[in-house]
Amino acid sequence: MKRRRPDVQYLLCVRNGSFLASLQVRRLYERLPDKDADLHGLVRVVDESGEDYLYPRELFADLDVPRTVARALVR
């Protein structure tokens, strides 16, 4: 049986604060689900290192990415 990947969410970095090496302004980042992070005003994203880390929520803006675009980004 083929596994379906859950809908991928993307955030747009609008500020990088003190994370100059980890985040680039105006770049899309994949958001990973993390309910505990959400409770503390943080988001878990895959950053420039290719690893996932927690960052302040206010550094990002939500994006509604059409499915066709999301599929192309995942490839």
Protein backbone atom coordinates (compact mmCIF):
# COMPACT_ATOMS: atom_id res chain seq x y z
CA MET A 1 0.00 0.00 0.00
CA LYS A 2 1.34 3.41 -0.96
CA ARG A 3 1.76 5.86 1.90
CA ARG A 4 0.35 9.31 1.39
CA ARG A 5 2.42 12.20 2.61
CA PRO A 6 0.36 14.62 4.68
CA ASP A 7 -0.20 18.04 3.19
CA VAL A 8 3.06 19.94 3.35
CA GLN A 9 2.86 23.45 4.76
CA TYR A 10 5.19 26.26 3.81
CA LEU A 11 6.09 29.49 5.56
CA LEU A 12 7.69 32.59 4.09
CA CYS A 13 10.58 34.01 6.11
CA VAL A 14 9.89 37.74 6.54
CA ARG A 15 12.70 38.43 9.05
CA ASN A 16 15.69 36.39 10.15
CA GLY A 17 16.45 38.20 13.41
CA SER A 18 19.61 36.78 14.94
CA PHE A 19 19.46 33.67 12.73
CA LEU A 20 21.41 35.12 9.79
CA ALA A 21 23.15 31.86 8.85
CA SER A 22 20.05 29.68 9.33
CA LEU A 23 17.26 31.66 7.67
CA GLN A 24 17.06 33.71 4.49
CA VAL A 25 14.47 36.45 4.18
CA ARG A 26 11.96 35.93 1.31
CA ARG A 27 12.63 32.19 1.20
CA LEU A 28 10.05 29.40 1.61
CA TYR A 29 10.56 26.95 4.44
CA GLU A 30 8.78 23.68 5.05
CA ARG A 31 6.85 23.70 8.32
CA LEU A 32 6.74 20.51 10.32
CA PRO A 33 3.87 19.84 12.75
CA ASP A 34 4.78 20.45 16.39
CA LYS A 35 1.90 21.16 18.78
CA ASP A 36 4.21 21.89 21.73
CA ALA A 37 6.09 24.48 19.70
CA ASP A 38 2.82 26.14 18.68
CA LEU A 39 1.87 26.53 22.35
CA HIS A 40 5.08 28.48 22.95
CA GLY A 41 4.90 30.78 19.92
CA LEU A 42 7.45 28.76 17.95
CA VAL A 43 7.42 26.91 14.63
CA ARG A 44 9.48 23.93 13.52
CA VAL A 45 10.97 24.43 10.06
CA VAL A 46 13.61 22.76 7.92
CA ASP A 47 16.25 25.48 7.68
CA GLU A 48 19.34 26.08 5.53
CA SER A 49 21.21 23.25 7.27
CA GLY A 50 18.61 20.76 6.04
CA GLU A 51 17.67 19.94 9.64
CA ASP A 52 14.52 20.96 11.49
CA TYR A 53 14.75 23.52 14.27
CA LEU A 54 12.43 25.73 16.30
CA TYR A 55 12.20 29.44 15.48
CA PRO A 56 10.02 32.30 16.74
CA ARG A 57 6.69 32.34 14.91
CA GLU A 58 6.91 36.08 14.19
CA LEU A 59 9.79 35.53 11.74
CA PHE A 60 7.41 33.85 9.27
CA ALA A 61 4.22 34.50 7.32
CA ASP A 62 1.73 31.76 6.40
CA LEU A 63 1.35 30.89 2.73
CA ASP A 64 -1.45 29.11 0.94
CA VAL A 65 0.43 27.11 -1.68
CA PRO A 66 -1.69 25.41 -4.37
CA ARG A 67 -1.35 21.61 -4.39
CA THR A 68 0.31 21.59 -7.80
CA VAL A 69 2.98 24.00 -6.56
CA ALA A 70 3.43 22.04 -3.30
CA ARG A 71 3.94 18.84 -5.29
CA ALA A 72 6.62 20.52 -7.40
CA LEU A 73 8.38 21.80 -4.26
CA VAL A 74 8.44 18.34 -2.67
CA ARG A 75 10.13 16.77 -5.69
